[in-house]
Amino acid sequence: SSAGAINAAFFAGRPNLDGARALR
């Protein structure tokens, strides 16, 4: 929800450690 929706959506596209680091 809200900012959490943005993070959730990005992570869902690449739901692994590489994806988390790309979001970072």
PDB file of all heavy atoms in Angstrom:
ATOM      1  N   SER A   1       0.843  -1.185   0.000  1.00  0.00           N
ATOM      2  CA  SER A   1       0.000   0.000   0.000  1.00  0.00           C
ATOM      3  C   SER A   1       0.878   1.235   0.000  1.00  0.00           C
ATOM      4  O   SER A   1       1.896   1.286   0.706  1.00  0.00           O
ATOM      5  CB  SER A   1      -0.908   0.005   1.238  1.00  0.00           C
ATOM      6  OG  SER A   1      -1.770   1.115   1.245  1.00  0.00           O
ATOM      7  N   SER A   2       0.512   2.223  -0.819  1.00  0.00           N
ATOM      8  CA  SER A   2       1.212   3.499  -0.893  1.00  0.00           C
ATOM      9  C   SER A   2       2.677   3.267  -1.285  1.00  0.00           C
ATOM     10  O   SER A   2       2.954   2.611  -2.279  1.00  0.00           O
ATOM     11  CB  SER A   2       1.066   4.244   0.439  1.00  0.00           C
ATOM     12  OG  SER A   2       1.337   5.606   0.289  1.00  0.00           O
ATOM     13  N   ALA A   3       3.634   3.793  -0.529  1.00  0.00           N
ATOM     14  CA  ALA A   3       5.045   3.550  -0.860  1.00  0.00           C
ATOM     15  C   ALA A   3       5.353   2.062  -0.845  1.00  0.00           C
ATOM     16  O   ALA A   3       6.193   1.577  -1.613  1.00  0.00           O
ATOM     17  CB  ALA A   3       5.950   4.285   0.116  1.00  0.00           C
ATOM     18  N   GLY A   4       4.658   1.319   0.011  1.00  0.00           N
ATOM     19  CA  GLY A   4       4.831  -0.122   0.053  1.00  0.00           C
ATOM     20  C   GLY A   4       4.375  -0.797  -1.221  1.00  0.00           C
ATOM     21  O   GLY A   4       4.902  -1.853  -1.603  1.00  0.00           O
ATOM     22  N   ALA A   5       3.390  -0.208  -1.907  1.00  0.00           N
ATOM     23  CA  ALA A   5       2.946  -0.755  -3.193  1.00  0.00           C
ATOM     24  C   ALA A   5       4.037  -0.595  -4.245  1.00  0.00           C
ATOM     25  O   ALA A   5       4.239  -1.479  -5.086  1.00  0.00           O
ATOM     26  CB  ALA A   5       1.665  -0.058  -3.646  1.00  0.00           C
ATOM     27  N   ILE A   6       4.733   0.537  -4.216  1.00  0.00           N
ATOM     28  CA  ILE A   6       5.830   0.758  -5.161  1.00  0.00           C
ATOM     29  C   ILE A   6       6.929  -0.275  -4.937  1.00  0.00           C
ATOM     30  O   ILE A   6       7.398  -0.930  -5.872  1.00  0.00           O
ATOM     31  CB  ILE A   6       6.381   2.187  -5.021  1.00  0.00           C
ATOM     32  CG1 ILE A   6       5.296   3.217  -5.375  1.00  0.00           C
ATOM     33  CG2 ILE A   6       7.618   2.377  -5.900  1.00  0.00           C
ATOM     34  CD1 ILE A   6       5.714   4.657  -5.144  1.00  0.00           C
ATOM     35  N   ASN A   7       7.336  -0.459  -3.678  1.00  0.00           N
ATOM     36  CA  ASN A   7       8.372  -1.442  -3.382  1.00  0.00           C
ATOM     37  C   ASN A   7       7.921  -2.855  -3.723  1.00  0.00           C
ATOM     38  O   ASN A   7       8.681  -3.648  -4.287  1.00  0.00           O
ATOM     39  CB  ASN A   7       8.758  -1.368  -1.902  1.00  0.00           C
ATOM     40  CG  ASN A   7       9.660  -0.193  -1.583  1.00  0.00           C
ATOM     41  OD1 ASN A   7      10.370   0.313  -2.453  1.00  0.00           O
ATOM     42  ND2 ASN A   7       9.624   0.274  -0.349  1.00  0.00           N
ATOM     43  N   ALA A   8       6.681  -3.188  -3.382  1.00  0.00           N
ATOM     44  CA  ALA A   8       6.162  -4.531  -3.660  1.00  0.00           C
ATOM     45  C   ALA A   8       6.137  -4.803  -5.159  1.00  0.00           C
ATOM     46  O   ALA A   8       6.514  -5.888  -5.618  1.00  0.00           O
ATOM     47  CB  ALA A   8       4.765  -4.683  -3.064  1.00  0.00           C
ATOM     48  N   ALA A   9       5.695  -3.807  -5.925  1.00  0.00           N
ATOM     49  CA  ALA A   9       5.607  -3.989  -7.374  1.00  0.00           C
ATOM     50  C   ALA A   9       6.983  -4.193  -7.994  1.00  0.00           C
ATOM     51  O   ALA A   9       7.167  -5.066  -8.854  1.00  0.00           O
ATOM     52  CB  ALA A   9       4.914  -2.786  -8.009  1.00  0.00           C
ATOM     53  N   PHE A  10       7.960  -3.404  -7.575  1.00  0.00           N
ATOM     54  CA  PHE A  10       9.308  -3.575  -8.122  1.00  0.00           C
ATOM     55  C   PHE A  10       9.892  -4.922  -7.725  1.00  0.00           C
ATOM     56  O   PHE A  10      10.467  -5.631  -8.551  1.00  0.00           O
ATOM     57  CB  PHE A  10      10.219  -2.442  -7.655  1.00  0.00           C
ATOM     58  CG  PHE A  10      10.050  -1.166  -8.419  1.00  0.00           C
ATOM     59  CD1 PHE A  10       9.651  -0.005  -7.780  1.00  0.00           C
ATOM     60  CD2 PHE A  10      10.270  -1.109  -9.779  1.00  0.00           C
ATOM     61  CE1 PHE A  10       9.480   1.182  -8.481  1.00  0.00           C
ATOM     62  CE2 PHE A  10      10.116   0.067 -10.492  1.00  0.00           C
ATOM     63  CZ  PHE A  10       9.718   1.219  -9.840  1.00  0.00           C
ATOM     64  N   PHE A  11       9.743  -5.295  -6.456  1.00  0.00           N
ATOM     65  CA  PHE A  11      10.305  -6.568  -5.987  1.00  0.00           C
ATOM     66  C   PHE A  11       9.631  -7.748  -6.672  1.00  0.00           C
ATOM     67  O   PHE A  11      10.282  -8.750  -6.976  1.00  0.00           O
ATOM     68  CB  PHE A  11      10.155  -6.674  -4.463  1.00  0.00           C
ATOM     69  CG  PHE A  11      10.785  -7.906  -3.881  1.00  0.00           C
ATOM     70  CD1 PHE A  11      12.161  -8.048  -3.836  1.00  0.00           C
ATOM     71  CD2 PHE A  11       9.997  -8.933  -3.371  1.00  0.00           C
ATOM     72  CE1 PHE A  11      12.759  -9.196  -3.306  1.00  0.00           C
ATOM     73  CE2 PHE A  11      10.574 -10.084  -2.839  1.00  0.00           C
ATOM     74  CZ  PHE A  11      11.955 -10.216  -2.800  1.00  0.00           C
ATOM     75  N   ALA A  12       8.328  -7.650  -6.944  1.00  0.00           N
ATOM     76  CA  ALA A  12       7.603  -8.739  -7.591  1.00  0.00           C
ATOM     77  C   ALA A  12       8.121  -9.007  -8.998  1.00  0.00           C
ATOM     78  O   ALA A  12       7.987 -10.115  -9.514  1.00  0.00           O
ATOM     79  CB  ALA A  12       6.106  -8.427  -7.643  1.00  0.00           C
ATOM     80  N   GLY A  13       8.709  -8.011  -9.623  1.00  0.00           N
ATOM     81  CA  GLY A  13       9.271  -8.206 -10.951  1.00  0.00           C
ATOM     82  C   GLY A  13      10.561  -9.001 -10.945  1.00  0.00           C
ATOM     83  O   GLY A  13      10.934  -9.618 -11.953  1.00  0.00           O
ATOM     84  N   ARG A  14      11.226  -9.020  -9.791  1.00  0.00           N
ATOM     85  CA  ARG A  14      12.518  -9.715  -9.680  1.00  0.00           C
ATOM     86  C   ARG A  14      12.684 -10.114  -8.218  1.00  0.00           C
ATOM     87  O   ARG A  14      13.472  -9.529  -7.476  1.00  0.00           O
ATOM     88  CB  ARG A  14      13.636  -8.769 -10.121  1.00  0.00           C
ATOM     89  CG  ARG A  14      14.965  -9.418 -10.441  1.00  0.00           C
ATOM     90  CD  ARG A  14      15.897  -8.324 -10.982  1.00  0.00           C
ATOM     91  NE  ARG A  14      17.258  -8.786 -11.138  1.00  0.00           N
ATOM     92  CZ  ARG A  14      18.274  -7.994 -11.451  1.00  0.00           C
ATOM     93  NH1 ARG A  14      18.052  -6.697 -11.654  1.00  0.00           N
ATOM     94  NH2 ARG A  14      19.494  -8.466 -11.582  1.00  0.00           N
ATOM     95  N   PRO A  15      11.930 -11.128  -7.777  1.00  0.00           N
ATOM     96  CA  PRO A  15      11.810 -11.422  -6.340  1.00  0.00           C
ATOM     97  C   PRO A  15      12.952 -12.261  -5.777  1.00  0.00           C
ATOM     98  O   PRO A  15      12.761 -13.388  -5.324  1.00  0.00           O
ATOM     99  CB  PRO A  15      10.477 -12.182  -6.277  1.00  0.00           C
ATOM    100  CG  PRO A  15      10.384 -12.867  -7.603  1.00  0.00           C
ATOM    101  CD  PRO A  15      11.027 -11.942  -8.592  1.00  0.00           C
ATOM    102  N   ASN A  16      14.121 -11.685  -5.786  1.00  0.00           N
ATOM    103  CA  ASN A  16      15.296 -12.387  -5.264  1.00  0.00           C
ATOM    104  C   ASN A  16      16.306 -11.352  -4.770  1.00  0.00           C
ATOM    105  O   ASN A  16      16.024 -10.143  -4.775  1.00  0.00           O
ATOM    106  CB  ASN A  16      15.910 -13.283  -6.339  1.00  0.00           C
ATOM    107  CG  ASN A  16      16.166 -12.543  -7.649  1.00  0.00           C
ATOM    108  OD1 ASN A  16      16.551 -11.373  -7.657  1.00  0.00           O
ATOM    109  ND2 ASN A  16      15.952 -13.224  -8.773  1.00  0.00           N
ATOM    110  N   LEU A  17      17.471 -11.819  -4.363  1.00  0.00           N
ATOM    111  CA  LEU A  17      18.474 -10.910  -3.817  1.00  0.00           C
ATOM    112  C   LEU A  17      18.932  -9.890  -4.844  1.00  0.00           C
ATOM    113  O   LEU A  17      19.109  -8.709  -4.529  1.00  0.00           O
ATOM    114  CB  LEU A  17      19.661 -11.714  -3.281  1.00  0.00           C
ATOM    115  CG  LEU A  17      20.782 -10.911  -2.611  1.00  0.00           C
ATOM    116  CD1 LEU A  17      20.246 -10.060  -1.459  1.00  0.00           C
ATOM    117  CD2 LEU A  17      21.882 -11.854  -2.110  1.00  0.00           C
ATOM    118  N   ASP A  18      19.114 -10.321  -6.078  1.00  0.00           N
ATOM    119  CA  ASP A  18      19.508  -9.376  -7.125  1.00  0.00           C
ATOM    120  C   ASP A  18      18.440  -8.300  -7.305  1.00  0.00           C
ATOM    121  O   ASP A  18      18.758  -7.118  -7.503  1.00  0.00           O
ATOM    122  CB  ASP A  18      19.734 -10.106  -8.449  1.00  0.00           C
ATOM    123  CG  ASP A  18      21.019 -10.928  -8.457  1.00  0.00           C
ATOM    124  OD1 ASP A  18      21.884 -10.679  -7.594  1.00  0.00           O
ATOM    125  OD2 ASP A  18      21.145 -11.809  -9.321  1.00  0.00           O
ATOM    126  N   GLY A  19      17.172  -8.699  -7.238  1.00  0.00           N
ATOM    127  CA  GLY A  19      16.088  -7.731  -7.374  1.00  0.00           C
ATOM    128  C   GLY A  19      16.060  -6.748  -6.224  1.00  0.00           C
ATOM    129  O   GLY A  19      15.838  -5.549  -6.420  1.00  0.00           O
ATOM    130  N   ALA A  20      16.290  -7.239  -5.007  1.00  0.00           N
ATOM    131  CA  ALA A  20      16.316  -6.349  -3.845  1.00  0.00           C
ATOM    132  C   ALA A  20      17.462  -5.352  -3.959  1.00  0.00           C
ATOM    133  O   ALA A  20      17.313  -4.169  -3.614  1.00  0.00           O
ATOM    134  CB  ALA A  20      16.436  -7.171  -2.566  1.00  0.00           C
ATOM    135  N   ARG A  21      18.591  -5.810  -4.451  1.00  0.00           N
ATOM    136  CA  ARG A  21      19.737  -4.902  -4.591  1.00  0.00           C
ATOM    137  C   ARG A  21      19.530  -3.916  -5.731  1.00  0.00           C
ATOM    138  O   ARG A  21      20.005  -2.772  -5.662  1.00  0.00           O
ATOM    139  CB  ARG A  21      21.009  -5.724  -4.786  1.00  0.00           C
ATOM    140  CG  ARG A  21      21.439  -6.424  -3.502  1.00  0.00           C
ATOM    141  CD  ARG A  21      22.638  -7.341  -3.683  1.00  0.00           C
ATOM    142  NE  ARG A  21      23.082  -7.871  -2.388  1.00  0.00           N
ATOM    143  CZ  ARG A  21      23.935  -8.877  -2.236  1.00  0.00           C
ATOM    144  NH1 ARG A  21      24.460  -9.457  -3.319  1.00  0.00           N
ATOM    145  NH2 ARG A  21      24.277  -9.301  -1.038  1.00  0.00           N
ATOM    146  N   ALA A  22      18.821  -4.335  -6.772  1.00  0.00           N
ATOM    147  CA  ALA A  22      18.493  -3.395  -7.841  1.00  0.00           C
ATOM    148  C   ALA A  22      17.544  -2.316  -7.319  1.00  0.00           C
ATOM    149  O   ALA A  22      17.672  -1.136  -7.670  1.00  0.00           O
ATOM    150  CB  ALA A  22      17.861  -4.139  -9.013  1.00  0.00           C
ATOM    151  N   LEU A  23      16.602  -2.707  -6.463  1.00  0.00           N
ATOM    152  CA  LEU A  23      15.694  -1.733  -5.861  1.00  0.00           C
ATOM    153  C   LEU A  23      16.467  -0.780  -4.956  1.00  0.00           C
ATOM    154  O   LEU A  23      16.191   0.422  -4.907  1.00  0.00           O
ATOM    155  CB  LEU A  23      14.609  -2.473  -5.085  1.00  0.00           C
ATOM    156  CG  LEU A  23      13.506  -1.629  -4.447  1.00  0.00           C
ATOM    157  CD1 LEU A  23      12.800  -0.762  -5.479  1.00  0.00           C
ATOM    158  CD2 LEU A  23      12.493  -2.535  -3.727  1.00  0.00           C
ATOM    159  N   ARG A  24      17.457  -1.311  -4.248  1.00  0.00           N
ATOM    160  CA  ARG A  24      18.319  -0.456  -3.414  1.00  0.00           C
ATOM    161  C   ARG A  24      19.000   0.611  -4.269  1.00  0.00           C
ATOM    162  O   ARG A  24      19.079   1.785  -3.874  1.00  0.00           O
ATOM    163  CB  ARG A  24      19.372  -1.320  -2.709  1.00  0.00           C
ATOM    164  CG  ARG A  24      20.513  -0.494  -2.097  1.00  0.00           C
ATOM    165  CD  ARG A  24      21.681  -1.381  -1.731  1.00  0.00           C
ATOM    166  NE  ARG A  24      21.515  -1.974  -0.412  1.00  0.00           N
ATOM    167  CZ  ARG A  24      21.981  -1.413   0.714  1.00  0.00           C
ATOM    168  NH1 ARG A  24      22.621  -0.257   0.666  1.00  0.00           N
ATOM    169  NH2 ARG A  24      21.824  -2.007   1.851  1.00  0.00           N
TER     170      ARG A  24
END
